[in-house]
Amino acid sequence: MRTRFTVPLVLIFLALLRPAASVVPSRGEEIPEGLQAATRALYRGEYDRAGSLAQGYLQAHPQAMNAQILLARARISHGQYEPALEGLERVLRRDPANPDALYYLERLSGLLSQMEFQRLFRLAPDSARARQVMGEAYETQNKLELAETEYQAALKADPQLVEVLDALGDLKRHQFKFDDAIRYYSRALEAQPRDYTSAYGLGAAYLFKQNPPEAVRFLRLAVAIDPQSPAARLALGDALLRVGHGDAAVTELKASISLAPDLRQAYTLLARAYRILGRTEEASAALRKSQELNREEIEAREKTLGSQEKTPR
């Protein structure tokens, strides 16, 4: 069996033990003695004792979220992942923005994900899903040739794997190889007719190929599948404008703006649509908004570049 994917589980595990604000008193209050003892036990590796102390404190103080988080950490350290997950979710139901619960939930999710990946590669290293994961890993590193190799291997194992067909379609579309992209997206849509990614990908590819009627057809499908997608609404508005359906284009472009108010391209296209329809005042207002957003983007970019230049190297 080949070993192609090494996961630093130890590093993730150690991160779960790292102290966070949950063990720091707020507004000058002292941490209750029960939690202090539980925290000391946790860092000494006495996970049973830490969990027992945290549970005891929770029995007396059921609403103590810091105790619930500490108990979850003890359970994670002891390999009791399911109850730890339930405890963190319990905290987040009461306080969705709790930073400690979110932090440890993210760490735990990463740990569980990596463990499942390792199990996948151990049991089925050449399966379609294993090769898909490798392709995704290479793609995040911008190693596109290796990503495509892994995706093709995944398709060889399972020619109908929609996520991989879409991944190859995206890969080819971003490389401006639109005919190849259309082939992969079409296969994905044939396998799963309500697949948003392939419907949107086909619409975008046809738009780039200057075939707006086909773009409209597939982008309408994408919007029907996911009406809350600002990208699909924007692209459909663009395609409708190109085929001369100004009023319908305005509807879609305004919908995209309602979903993503800072979508500058939508205002630019909206200004063009209004001009074509003879609605000059609305066109001017849309154009001003587009220019305003463009200035904000430039200022934000310059600010970011300026802060990077000032950062010591």
C-alpha atoms as a PDB file:
ATOM      1  CA  MET A   1       0.000   0.000   0.000  1.00  0.00           C
ATOM      2  CA  ARG A   2       1.320   3.436  -0.877  1.00  0.00           C
ATOM      3  CA  THR A   3       1.619   6.146   1.751  1.00  0.00           C
ATOM      4  CA  ARG A   4       0.823   9.399  -0.005  1.00  0.00           C
ATOM      5  CA  PHE A   5      -0.872  11.551   2.606  1.00  0.00           C
ATOM      6  CA  THR A   6       0.590  12.231   6.040  1.00  0.00           C
ATOM      7  CA  VAL A   7      -1.629  13.962   8.585  1.00  0.00           C
ATOM      8  CA  PRO A   8      -0.230  15.758  11.661  1.00  0.00           C
ATOM      9  CA  LEU A   9      -2.810  14.405  14.110  1.00  0.00           C
ATOM     10  CA  VAL A  10      -0.499  15.010  17.054  1.00  0.00           C
ATOM     11  CA  LEU A  11      -0.346  18.722  16.262  1.00  0.00           C
ATOM     12  CA  ILE A  12      -4.127  18.955  16.106  1.00  0.00           C
ATOM     13  CA  PHE A  13      -4.421  17.035  19.375  1.00  0.00           C
ATOM     14  CA  LEU A  14      -1.961  19.339  21.122  1.00  0.00           C
ATOM     15  CA  ALA A  15      -3.836  22.366  19.841  1.00  0.00           C
ATOM     16  CA  LEU A  16      -6.940  21.048  21.578  1.00  0.00           C
ATOM     17  CA  LEU A  17      -5.113  21.219  24.893  1.00  0.00           C
ATOM     18  CA  ARG A  18      -4.008  24.828  24.387  1.00  0.00           C
ATOM     19  CA  PRO A  19      -5.489  27.274  26.903  1.00  0.00           C
ATOM     20  CA  ALA A  20      -8.127  29.693  25.707  1.00  0.00           C
ATOM     21  CA  ALA A  21     -10.320  32.415  27.123  1.00  0.00           C
ATOM     22  CA  SER A  22     -12.603  29.821  28.686  1.00  0.00           C
ATOM     23  CA  VAL A  23     -10.150  29.461  31.565  1.00  0.00           C
ATOM     24  CA  VAL A  24      -9.575  33.182  31.959  1.00  0.00           C
ATOM     25  CA  PRO A  25     -11.880  35.145  34.260  1.00  0.00           C
ATOM     26  CA  SER A  26     -13.999  37.863  32.671  1.00  0.00           C
ATOM     27  CA  ARG A  27     -14.631  41.337  34.071  1.00  0.00           C
ATOM     28  CA  GLY A  28     -12.175  40.772  36.929  1.00  0.00           C
ATOM     29  CA  GLU A  29     -13.953  37.660  38.270  1.00  0.00           C
ATOM     30  CA  GLU A  30     -11.932  34.734  39.606  1.00  0.00           C
ATOM     31  CA  ILE A  31     -12.276  31.277  38.111  1.00  0.00           C
ATOM     32  CA  PRO A  32     -14.222  29.055  40.519  1.00  0.00           C
ATOM     33  CA  GLU A  33     -12.005  26.627  42.433  1.00  0.00           C
ATOM     34  CA  GLY A  34     -13.735  23.640  40.858  1.00  0.00           C
ATOM     35  CA  LEU A  35     -12.747  24.743  37.386  1.00  0.00           C
ATOM     36  CA  GLN A  36      -9.226  25.685  38.463  1.00  0.00           C
ATOM     37  CA  ALA A  37      -8.700  22.155  39.742  1.00  0.00           C
ATOM     38  CA  ALA A  38     -10.233  20.687  36.575  1.00  0.00           C
ATOM     39  CA  THR A  39      -7.966  22.833  34.413  1.00  0.00           C
ATOM     40  CA  ARG A  40      -4.845  21.817  36.360  1.00  0.00           C
ATOM     41  CA  ALA A  41      -5.857  18.173  36.019  1.00  0.00           C
ATOM     42  CA  LEU A  42      -6.328  18.569  32.276  1.00  0.00           C
ATOM     43  CA  TYR A  43      -2.824  19.981  31.799  1.00  0.00           C
ATOM     44  CA  ARG A  44      -1.320  17.251  33.965  1.00  0.00           C
ATOM     45  CA  GLY A  45      -2.881  14.683  31.648  1.00  0.00           C
ATOM     46  CA  GLU A  46      -5.367  13.524  34.280  1.00  0.00           C
ATOM     47  CA  TYR A  47      -8.259  13.479  31.839  1.00  0.00           C
ATOM     48  CA  ASP A  48     -10.621  11.351  33.932  1.00  0.00           C
ATOM     49  CA  ARG A  49     -10.171  13.644  36.927  1.00  0.00           C
ATOM     50  CA  ALA A  50     -10.543  16.779  34.776  1.00  0.00           C
ATOM     51  CA  GLY A  51     -13.750  15.459  33.280  1.00  0.00           C
ATOM     52  CA  SER A  52     -15.099  14.366  36.643  1.00  0.00           C
ATOM     53  CA  LEU A  53     -14.419  17.784  38.207  1.00  0.00           C
ATOM     54  CA  ALA A  54     -15.965  19.622  35.255  1.00  0.00           C
ATOM     55  CA  GLN A  55     -19.045  17.370  35.391  1.00  0.00           C
ATOM     56  CA  GLY A  56     -19.367  17.943  39.117  1.00  0.00           C
ATOM     57  CA  TYR A  57     -19.223  21.686  38.613  1.00  0.00           C
ATOM     58  CA  LEU A  58     -21.838  21.458  35.861  1.00  0.00           C
ATOM     59  CA  GLN A  59     -24.217  19.572  38.122  1.00  0.00           C
ATOM     60  CA  ALA A  60     -24.132  22.498  40.521  1.00  0.00           C
ATOM     61  CA  HIS A  61     -24.006  25.156  37.771  1.00  0.00           C
ATOM     62  CA  PRO A  62     -25.820  23.744  34.676  1.00  0.00           C
ATOM     63  CA  GLN A  63     -25.558  27.025  32.769  1.00  0.00           C
ATOM     64  CA  ALA A  64     -21.764  27.368  33.127  1.00  0.00           C
ATOM     65  CA  MET A  65     -20.590  27.342  29.535  1.00  0.00           C
ATOM     66  CA  ASN A  66     -16.898  27.518  30.491  1.00  0.00           C
ATOM     67  CA  ALA A  67     -17.354  24.290  32.462  1.00  0.00           C
ATOM     68  CA  GLN A  68     -19.078  22.671  29.466  1.00  0.00           C
ATOM     69  CA  ILE A  69     -16.187  23.655  27.227  1.00  0.00           C
ATOM     70  CA  LEU A  70     -13.640  22.353  29.730  1.00  0.00           C
ATOM     71  CA  LEU A  71     -15.529  19.059  29.939  1.00  0.00           C
ATOM     72  CA  ALA A  72     -15.502  18.827  26.135  1.00  0.00           C
ATOM     73  CA  ARG A  73     -11.731  19.371  26.103  1.00  0.00           C
ATOM     74  CA  ALA A  74     -11.239  16.631  28.695  1.00  0.00           C
ATOM     75  CA  ARG A  75     -13.368  14.280  26.620  1.00  0.00           C
ATOM     76  CA  ILE A  76     -11.453  15.104  23.454  1.00  0.00           C
ATOM     77  CA  SER A  77      -8.179  14.427  25.234  1.00  0.00           C
ATOM     78  CA  HIS A  78      -9.608  11.080  26.379  1.00  0.00           C
ATOM     79  CA  GLY A  79     -10.774  10.176  22.863  1.00  0.00           C
ATOM     80  CA  GLN A  80     -14.460  10.619  23.671  1.00  0.00           C
ATOM     81  CA  TYR A  81     -15.211  12.608  20.529  1.00  0.00           C
ATOM     82  CA  GLU A  82     -18.980  12.179  20.200  1.00  0.00           C
ATOM     83  CA  PRO A  83     -19.912  13.475  23.683  1.00  0.00           C
ATOM     84  CA  ALA A  84     -17.342  16.263  23.285  1.00  0.00           C
ATOM     85  CA  LEU A  85     -18.999  17.308  20.034  1.00  0.00           C
ATOM     86  CA  GLU A  86     -22.433  17.241  21.654  1.00  0.00           C
ATOM     87  CA  GLY A  87     -21.182  19.412  24.519  1.00  0.00           C
ATOM     88  CA  LEU A  88     -19.716  22.057  22.232  1.00  0.00           C
ATOM     89  CA  GLU A  89     -22.881  22.122  20.147  1.00  0.00           C
ATOM     90  CA  ARG A  90     -24.879  22.576  23.354  1.00  0.00           C
ATOM     91  CA  VAL A  91     -22.839  25.680  24.169  1.00  0.00           C
ATOM     92  CA  LEU A  92     -23.296  27.070  20.664  1.00  0.00           C
ATOM     93  CA  ARG A  93     -27.052  26.607  20.769  1.00  0.00           C
ATOM     94  CA  ARG A  94     -27.081  28.982  23.733  1.00  0.00           C
ATOM     95  CA  ASP A  95     -24.313  31.275  22.514  1.00  0.00           C
ATOM     96  CA  PRO A  96     -23.711  30.917  18.734  1.00  0.00           C
ATOM     97  CA  ALA A  97     -20.817  33.400  18.825  1.00  0.00           C
ATOM     98  CA  ASN A  98     -18.926  31.844  21.733  1.00  0.00           C
ATOM     99  CA  PRO A  99     -15.302  32.079  20.526  1.00  0.00           C
ATOM    100  CA  ASP A 100     -13.961  29.226  22.662  1.00  0.00           C
ATOM    101  CA  ALA A 101     -16.678  26.790  21.632  1.00  0.00           C
ATOM    102  CA  LEU A 102     -16.175  27.736  17.979  1.00  0.00           C
ATOM    103  CA  TYR A 103     -12.404  27.337  18.314  1.00  0.00           C
ATOM    104  CA  TYR A 104     -12.556  23.868  19.878  1.00  0.00           C
ATOM    105  CA  LEU A 105     -15.332  22.781  17.522  1.00  0.00           C
ATOM    106  CA  GLU A 106     -13.136  23.752  14.569  1.00  0.00           C
ATOM    107  CA  ARG A 107     -10.167  21.864  16.079  1.00  0.00           C
ATOM    108  CA  LEU A 108     -12.297  18.803  16.821  1.00  0.00           C
ATOM    109  CA  SER A 109     -13.859  18.854  13.359  1.00  0.00           C
ATOM    110  CA  GLY A 110     -10.391  19.005  11.833  1.00  0.00           C
ATOM    111  CA  LEU A 111      -9.237  16.088  13.962  1.00  0.00           C
ATOM    112  CA  LEU A 112     -12.248  13.948  13.049  1.00  0.00           C
ATOM    113  CA  SER A 113     -11.888  14.853   9.389  1.00  0.00           C
ATOM    114  CA  GLN A 114      -8.213  13.922   9.335  1.00  0.00           C
ATOM    115  CA  MET A 115      -8.917  10.654  11.104  1.00  0.00           C
ATOM    116  CA  GLU A 116     -11.521   9.759   8.503  1.00  0.00           C
ATOM    117  CA  PHE A 117      -9.110  10.679   5.722  1.00  0.00           C
ATOM    118  CA  GLN A 118      -6.487   8.391   7.215  1.00  0.00           C
ATOM    119  CA  ARG A 119      -9.010   5.589   7.481  1.00  0.00           C
ATOM    120  CA  LEU A 120     -10.037   6.146   3.865  1.00  0.00           C
ATOM    121  CA  PHE A 121      -6.445   5.979   2.627  1.00  0.00           C
ATOM    122  CA  ARG A 122      -5.725   2.943   4.779  1.00  0.00           C
ATOM    123  CA  LEU A 123      -8.724   0.937   3.619  1.00  0.00           C
ATOM    124  CA  ALA A 124      -9.081   2.101   0.004  1.00  0.00           C
ATOM    125  CA  PRO A 125      -6.029   4.096  -1.168  1.00  0.00           C
ATOM    126  CA  ASP A 126      -6.958   3.815  -4.849  1.00  0.00           C
ATOM    127  CA  SER A 127     -10.700   4.358  -4.487  1.00  0.00           C
ATOM    128  CA  ALA A 128     -12.431   7.177  -6.321  1.00  0.00           C
ATOM    129  CA  ARG A 129     -12.936   9.140  -3.103  1.00  0.00           C
ATOM    130  CA  ALA A 130      -9.316   8.765  -2.019  1.00  0.00           C
ATOM    131  CA  ARG A 131      -8.096  10.004  -5.382  1.00  0.00           C
ATOM    132  CA  GLN A 132     -10.640  12.839  -5.231  1.00  0.00           C
ATOM    133  CA  VAL A 133      -9.264  13.953  -1.854  1.00  0.00           C
ATOM    134  CA  MET A 134      -5.732  13.884  -3.251  1.00  0.00           C
ATOM    135  CA  GLY A 135      -6.855  15.925  -6.256  1.00  0.00           C
ATOM    136  CA  GLU A 136      -8.450  18.516  -3.995  1.00  0.00           C
ATOM    137  CA  ALA A 137      -5.306  18.675  -1.864  1.00  0.00           C
ATOM    138  CA  TYR A 138      -3.123  19.279  -4.928  1.00  0.00           C
ATOM    139  CA  GLU A 139      -5.537  21.878  -6.260  1.00  0.00           C
ATOM    140  CA  THR A 140      -5.370  23.888  -3.023  1.00  0.00           C
ATOM    141  CA  GLN A 141      -1.585  23.901  -3.461  1.00  0.00           C
ATOM    142  CA  ASN A 142      -2.048  25.111  -7.057  1.00  0.00           C
ATOM    143  CA  LYS A 143      -0.441  21.924  -8.391  1.00  0.00           C
ATOM    144  CA  LEU A 144      -2.975  21.695 -11.160  1.00  0.00           C
ATOM    145  CA  GLU A 145      -1.361  18.974 -13.272  1.00  0.00           C
ATOM    146  CA  LEU A 146      -1.135  16.651 -10.289  1.00  0.00           C
ATOM    147  CA  ALA A 147      -4.705  17.571  -9.329  1.00  0.00           C
ATOM    148  CA  GLU A 148      -5.962  16.648 -12.790  1.00  0.00           C
ATOM    149  CA  THR A 149      -4.056  13.346 -12.674  1.00  0.00           C
ATOM    150  CA  GLU A 150      -5.760  12.419  -9.412  1.00  0.00           C
ATOM    151  CA  TYR A 151      -9.182  13.525 -10.654  1.00  0.00           C
ATOM    152  CA  GLN A 152      -8.773  11.435 -13.793  1.00  0.00           C
ATOM    153  CA  ALA A 153      -7.808   8.451 -11.654  1.00  0.00           C
ATOM    154  CA  ALA A 154     -10.945   9.041  -9.577  1.00  0.00           C
ATOM    155  CA  LEU A 155     -13.073   9.048 -12.742  1.00  0.00           C
ATOM    156  CA  LYS A 156     -11.443   5.845 -13.886  1.00  0.00           C
ATOM    157  CA  ALA A 157     -12.607   4.252 -10.634  1.00  0.00           C
ATOM    158  CA  ASP A 158     -16.069   5.870 -10.814  1.00  0.00           C
ATOM    159  CA  PRO A 159     -16.962   7.558 -14.143  1.00  0.00           C
ATOM    160  CA  GLN A 160     -20.203   8.993 -12.683  1.00  0.00           C
ATOM    161  CA  LEU A 161     -18.681  10.776  -9.676  1.00  0.00           C
ATOM    162  CA  VAL A 162     -20.382  14.158 -10.031  1.00  0.00           C
ATOM    163  CA  GLU A 163     -18.093  16.103  -7.678  1.00  0.00           C
ATOM    164  CA  VAL A 164     -15.027  15.043  -9.652  1.00  0.00           C
ATOM    165  CA  LEU A 165     -16.651  15.825 -12.995  1.00  0.00           C
ATOM    166  CA  ASP A 166     -17.462  19.283 -11.636  1.00  0.00           C
ATOM    167  CA  ALA A 167     -13.933  19.687 -10.275  1.00  0.00           C
ATOM    168  CA  LEU A 168     -12.485  18.914 -13.704  1.00  0.00           C
ATOM    169  CA  GLY A 169     -15.005  21.254 -15.305  1.00  0.00           C
ATOM    170  CA  ASP A 170     -13.954  24.047 -12.951  1.00  0.00           C
ATOM    171  CA  LEU A 171     -10.294  23.288 -13.571  1.00  0.00           C
ATOM    172  CA  LYS A 172     -10.710  23.499 -17.352  1.00  0.00           C
ATOM    173  CA  ARG A 173     -12.948  26.580 -17.197  1.00  0.00           C
ATOM    174  CA  HIS A 174     -10.407  28.478 -15.101  1.00  0.00           C
ATOM    175  CA  GLN A 175      -7.773  27.501 -17.662  1.00  0.00           C
ATOM    176  CA  PHE A 176     -10.059  28.931 -20.413  1.00  0.00           C
ATOM    177  CA  LYS A 177     -10.463  25.479 -21.964  1.00  0.00           C
ATOM    178  CA  PHE A 178     -14.182  25.906 -22.305  1.00  0.00           C
ATOM    179  CA  ASP A 179     -14.960  23.005 -24.650  1.00  0.00           C
ATOM    180  CA  ASP A 180     -13.321  20.584 -22.222  1.00  0.00           C
ATOM    181  CA  ALA A 181     -15.136  22.212 -19.322  1.00  0.00           C
ATOM    182  CA  ILE A 182     -18.483  21.865 -21.112  1.00  0.00           C
ATOM    183  CA  ARG A 183     -17.883  18.154 -21.661  1.00  0.00           C
ATOM    184  CA  TYR A 184     -17.221  17.505 -17.978  1.00  0.00           C
ATOM    185  CA  TYR A 185     -20.105  19.670 -16.773  1.00  0.00           C
ATOM    186  CA  SER A 186     -22.474  18.016 -19.233  1.00  0.00           C
ATOM    187  CA  ARG A 187     -21.546  14.567 -17.935  1.00  0.00           C
ATOM    188  CA  ALA A 188     -22.122  15.773 -14.363  1.00  0.00           C
ATOM    189  CA  LEU A 189     -25.509  17.280 -15.202  1.00  0.00           C
ATOM    190  CA  GLU A 190     -26.549  14.118 -17.016  1.00  0.00           C
ATOM    191  CA  ALA A 191     -25.672  12.081 -13.927  1.00  0.00           C
ATOM    192  CA  GLN A 192     -27.367  14.536 -11.557  1.00  0.00           C
ATOM    193  CA  PRO A 193     -29.866  16.845 -13.304  1.00  0.00           C
ATOM    194  CA  ARG A 194     -30.268  19.127 -10.243  1.00  0.00           C
ATOM    195  CA  ASP A 195     -26.555  19.747  -9.763  1.00  0.00           C
ATOM    196  CA  TYR A 196     -25.988  23.471  -9.261  1.00  0.00           C
ATOM    197  CA  THR A 197     -22.234  23.451  -9.920  1.00  0.00           C
ATOM    198  CA  SER A 198     -22.502  21.875 -13.361  1.00  0.00           C
ATOM    199  CA  ALA A 199     -25.500  24.021 -14.352  1.00  0.00           C
ATOM    200  CA  TYR A 200     -23.698  27.213 -13.337  1.00  0.00           C
ATOM    201  CA  GLY A 201     -20.433  26.017 -14.877  1.00  0.00           C
ATOM    202  CA  LEU A 202     -22.135  25.334 -18.206  1.00  0.00           C
ATOM    203  CA  GLY A 203     -23.772  28.752 -18.171  1.00  0.00           C
ATOM    204  CA  ALA A 204     -20.490  30.494 -17.375  1.00  0.00           C
ATOM    205  CA  ALA A 205     -18.591  28.509 -20.016  1.00  0.00           C
ATOM    206  CA  TYR A 206     -21.150  29.312 -22.724  1.00  0.00           C
ATOM    207  CA  LEU A 207     -21.082  32.956 -21.681  1.00  0.00           C
ATOM    208  CA  PHE A 208     -17.303  33.029 -22.198  1.00  0.00           C
ATOM    209  CA  LYS A 209     -17.776  31.292 -25.571  1.00  0.00           C
ATOM    210  CA  GLN A 210     -20.079  34.142 -26.621  1.00  0.00           C
ATOM    211  CA  ASN A 211     -23.099  31.860 -26.796  1.00  0.00           C
ATOM    212  CA  PRO A 212     -25.580  33.733 -24.590  1.00  0.00           C
ATOM    213  CA  PRO A 213     -28.706  31.731 -25.574  1.00  0.00           C
ATOM    214  CA  GLU A 214     -27.139  28.533 -24.253  1.00  0.00           C
ATOM    215  CA  ALA A 215     -25.794  30.449 -21.257  1.00  0.00           C
ATOM    216  CA  VAL A 216     -29.314  31.671 -20.442  1.00  0.00           C
ATOM    217  CA  ARG A 217     -30.660  28.120 -20.606  1.00  0.00           C
ATOM    218  CA  PHE A 218     -28.214  26.701 -18.082  1.00  0.00           C
ATOM    219  CA  LEU A 219     -28.080  29.767 -15.843  1.00  0.00           C
ATOM    220  CA  ARG A 220     -31.866  29.704 -15.522  1.00  0.00           C
ATOM    221  CA  LEU A 221     -31.478  26.138 -14.311  1.00  0.00           C
ATOM    222  CA  ALA A 222     -28.763  27.190 -11.841  1.00  0.00           C
ATOM    223  CA  VAL A 223     -31.030  29.916 -10.432  1.00  0.00           C
ATOM    224  CA  ALA A 224     -33.924  27.460 -10.187  1.00  0.00           C
ATOM    225  CA  ILE A 225     -31.707  25.087  -8.205  1.00  0.00           C
ATOM    226  CA  ASP A 226     -30.289  27.824  -5.948  1.00  0.00           C
ATOM    227  CA  PRO A 227     -32.305  31.065  -6.054  1.00  0.00           C
ATOM    228  CA  GLN A 228     -30.062  32.529  -3.325  1.00  0.00           C
ATOM    229  CA  SER A 229     -26.891  32.430  -5.430  1.00  0.00           C
ATOM    230  CA  PRO A 230     -25.754  35.989  -6.283  1.00  0.00           C
ATOM    231  CA  ALA A 231     -23.222  34.603  -8.775  1.00  0.00           C
ATOM    232  CA  ALA A 232     -25.903  32.761 -10.751  1.00  0.00           C
ATOM    233  CA  ARG A 233     -28.228  35.769 -10.688  1.00  0.00           C
ATOM    234  CA  LEU A 234     -25.424  38.051 -11.872  1.00  0.00           C
ATOM    235  CA  ALA A 235     -24.377  35.716 -14.693  1.00  0.00           C
ATOM    236  CA  LEU A 236     -27.996  35.226 -15.781  1.00  0.00           C
ATOM    237  CA  GLY A 237     -28.521  38.992 -15.822  1.00  0.00           C
ATOM    238  CA  ASP A 238     -25.410  39.352 -17.991  1.00  0.00           C
ATOM    239  CA  ALA A 239     -26.595  36.644 -20.390  1.00  0.00           C
ATOM    240  CA  LEU A 240     -30.110  38.102 -20.625  1.00  0.00           C
ATOM    241  CA  LEU A 241     -28.663  41.518 -21.378  1.00  0.00           C
ATOM    242  CA  ARG A 242     -26.627  40.034 -24.233  1.00  0.00           C
ATOM    243  CA  VAL A 243     -29.714  38.489 -25.824  1.00  0.00           C
ATOM    244  CA  GLY A 244     -31.604  41.773 -25.575  1.00  0.00           C
ATOM    245  CA  HIS A 245     -33.933  40.983 -22.679  1.00  0.00           C
ATOM    246  CA  GLY A 246     -33.301  44.191 -20.771  1.00  0.00           C
ATOM    247  CA  ASP A 247     -36.206  44.059 -18.322  1.00  0.00           C
ATOM    248  CA  ALA A 248     -35.479  40.454 -17.352  1.00  0.00           C
ATOM    249  CA  ALA A 249     -31.791  41.341 -16.987  1.00  0.00           C
ATOM    250  CA  VAL A 250     -32.663  44.170 -14.591  1.00  0.00           C
ATOM    251  CA  THR A 251     -34.717  41.781 -12.468  1.00  0.00           C
ATOM    252  CA  GLU A 252     -31.847  39.320 -12.138  1.00  0.00           C
ATOM    253  CA  LEU A 253     -29.205  41.973 -11.542  1.00  0.00           C
ATOM    254  CA  LYS A 254     -31.286  43.616  -8.823  1.00  0.00           C
ATOM    255  CA  ALA A 255     -31.774  40.188  -7.259  1.00  0.00           C
ATOM    256  CA  SER A 256     -28.016  39.619  -7.235  1.00  0.00           C
ATOM    257  CA  ILE A 257     -27.509  43.002  -5.530  1.00  0.00           C
ATOM    258  CA  SER A 258     -30.119  42.201  -2.888  1.00  0.00           C
ATOM    259  CA  LEU A 259     -28.150  39.035  -2.118  1.00  0.00           C
ATOM    260  CA  ALA A 260     -24.702  40.678  -2.301  1.00  0.00           C
ATOM    261  CA  PRO A 261     -24.965  44.492  -1.932  1.00  0.00           C
ATOM    262  CA  ASP A 262     -21.265  45.076  -2.704  1.00  0.00           C
ATOM    263  CA  LEU A 263     -21.312  43.236  -6.033  1.00  0.00           C
ATOM    264  CA  ARG A 264     -19.759  45.969  -8.159  1.00  0.00           C
ATOM    265  CA  GLN A 265     -20.096  44.161 -11.489  1.00  0.00           C
ATOM    266  CA  ALA A 266     -23.843  43.908 -10.949  1.00  0.00           C
ATOM    267  CA  TYR A 267     -24.132  47.699 -10.702  1.00  0.00           C
ATOM    268  CA  THR A 268     -22.028  48.122 -13.863  1.00  0.00           C
ATOM    269  CA  LEU A 269     -24.280  45.754 -15.821  1.00  0.00           C
ATOM    270  CA  LEU A 270     -27.367  47.313 -14.269  1.00  0.00           C
ATOM    271  CA  ALA A 271     -26.258  50.750 -15.479  1.00  0.00           C
ATOM    272  CA  ARG A 272     -25.867  49.345 -18.991  1.00  0.00           C
ATOM    273  CA  ALA A 273     -29.284  47.695 -18.866  1.00  0.00           C
ATOM    274  CA  TYR A 274     -30.950  50.893 -17.685  1.00  0.00           C
ATOM    275  CA  ARG A 275     -29.278  52.875 -20.499  1.00  0.00           C
ATOM    276  CA  ILE A 276     -30.549  50.411 -23.083  1.00  0.00           C
ATOM    277  CA  LEU A 277     -34.041  50.735 -21.613  1.00  0.00           C
ATOM    278  CA  GLY A 278     -33.811  54.548 -21.660  1.00  0.00           C
ATOM    279  CA  ARG A 279     -33.926  54.859 -17.874  1.00  0.00           C
ATOM    280  CA  THR A 280     -31.102  57.388 -17.686  1.00  0.00           C
ATOM    281  CA  GLU A 281     -31.469  58.525 -14.085  1.00  0.00           C
ATOM    282  CA  GLU A 282     -31.415  54.975 -12.785  1.00  0.00           C
ATOM    283  CA  ALA A 283     -28.469  54.221 -15.065  1.00  0.00           C
ATOM    284  CA  SER A 284     -26.534  57.168 -13.612  1.00  0.00           C
ATOM    285  CA  ALA A 285     -27.306  56.086 -10.041  1.00  0.00           C
ATOM    286  CA  ALA A 286     -26.170  52.518 -10.731  1.00  0.00           C
ATOM    287  CA  LEU A 287     -22.991  53.770 -12.391  1.00  0.00           C
ATOM    288  CA  ARG A 288     -22.196  56.032  -9.419  1.00  0.00           C
ATOM    289  CA  LYS A 289     -22.601  53.098  -7.068  1.00  0.00           C
ATOM    290  CA  SER A 290     -20.305  50.988  -9.239  1.00  0.00           C
ATOM    291  CA  GLN A 291     -17.667  53.726  -9.203  1.00  0.00           C
ATOM    292  CA  GLU A 292     -18.027  54.143  -5.443  1.00  0.00           C
ATOM    293  CA  LEU A 293     -17.481  50.432  -4.866  1.00  0.00           C
ATOM    294  CA  ASN A 294     -14.511  50.497  -7.233  1.00  0.00           C
ATOM    295  CA  ARG A 295     -12.894  53.294  -5.199  1.00  0.00           C
ATOM    296  CA  GLU A 296     -13.494  51.374  -1.989  1.00  0.00           C
ATOM    297  CA  GLU A 297     -11.872  48.281  -3.479  1.00  0.00           C
ATOM    298  CA  ILE A 298      -8.817  50.282  -4.575  1.00  0.00           C
ATOM    299  CA  GLU A 299      -8.490  51.963  -1.176  1.00  0.00           C
ATOM    300  CA  ALA A 300      -8.794  48.631   0.641  1.00  0.00           C
ATOM    301  CA  ARG A 301      -6.167  47.100  -1.649  1.00  0.00           C
ATOM    302  CA  GLU A 302      -3.788  50.015  -1.136  1.00  0.00           C
ATOM    303  CA  LYS A 303      -4.299  49.852   2.622  1.00  0.00           C
ATOM    304  CA  THR A 304      -3.502  46.138   2.606  1.00  0.00           C
ATOM    305  CA  LEU A 305      -0.387  46.655   0.498  1.00  0.00           C
ATOM    306  CA  GLY A 306       0.709  49.507   2.735  1.00  0.00           C
ATOM    307  CA  SER A 307       0.360  47.435   5.894  1.00  0.00           C
ATOM    308  CA  GLN A 308       2.335  44.597   4.275  1.00  0.00           C
ATOM    309  CA  GLU A 309       5.172  46.963   3.341  1.00  0.00           C
ATOM    310  CA  LYS A 310       5.348  48.205   6.936  1.00  0.00           C
ATOM    311  CA  THR A 311       5.470  44.688   8.372  1.00  0.00           C
ATOM    312  CA  PRO A 312       9.045  43.806   9.481  1.00  0.00           C
ATOM    313  CA  ARG A 313      10.557  40.943   7.529  1.00  0.00           C
END
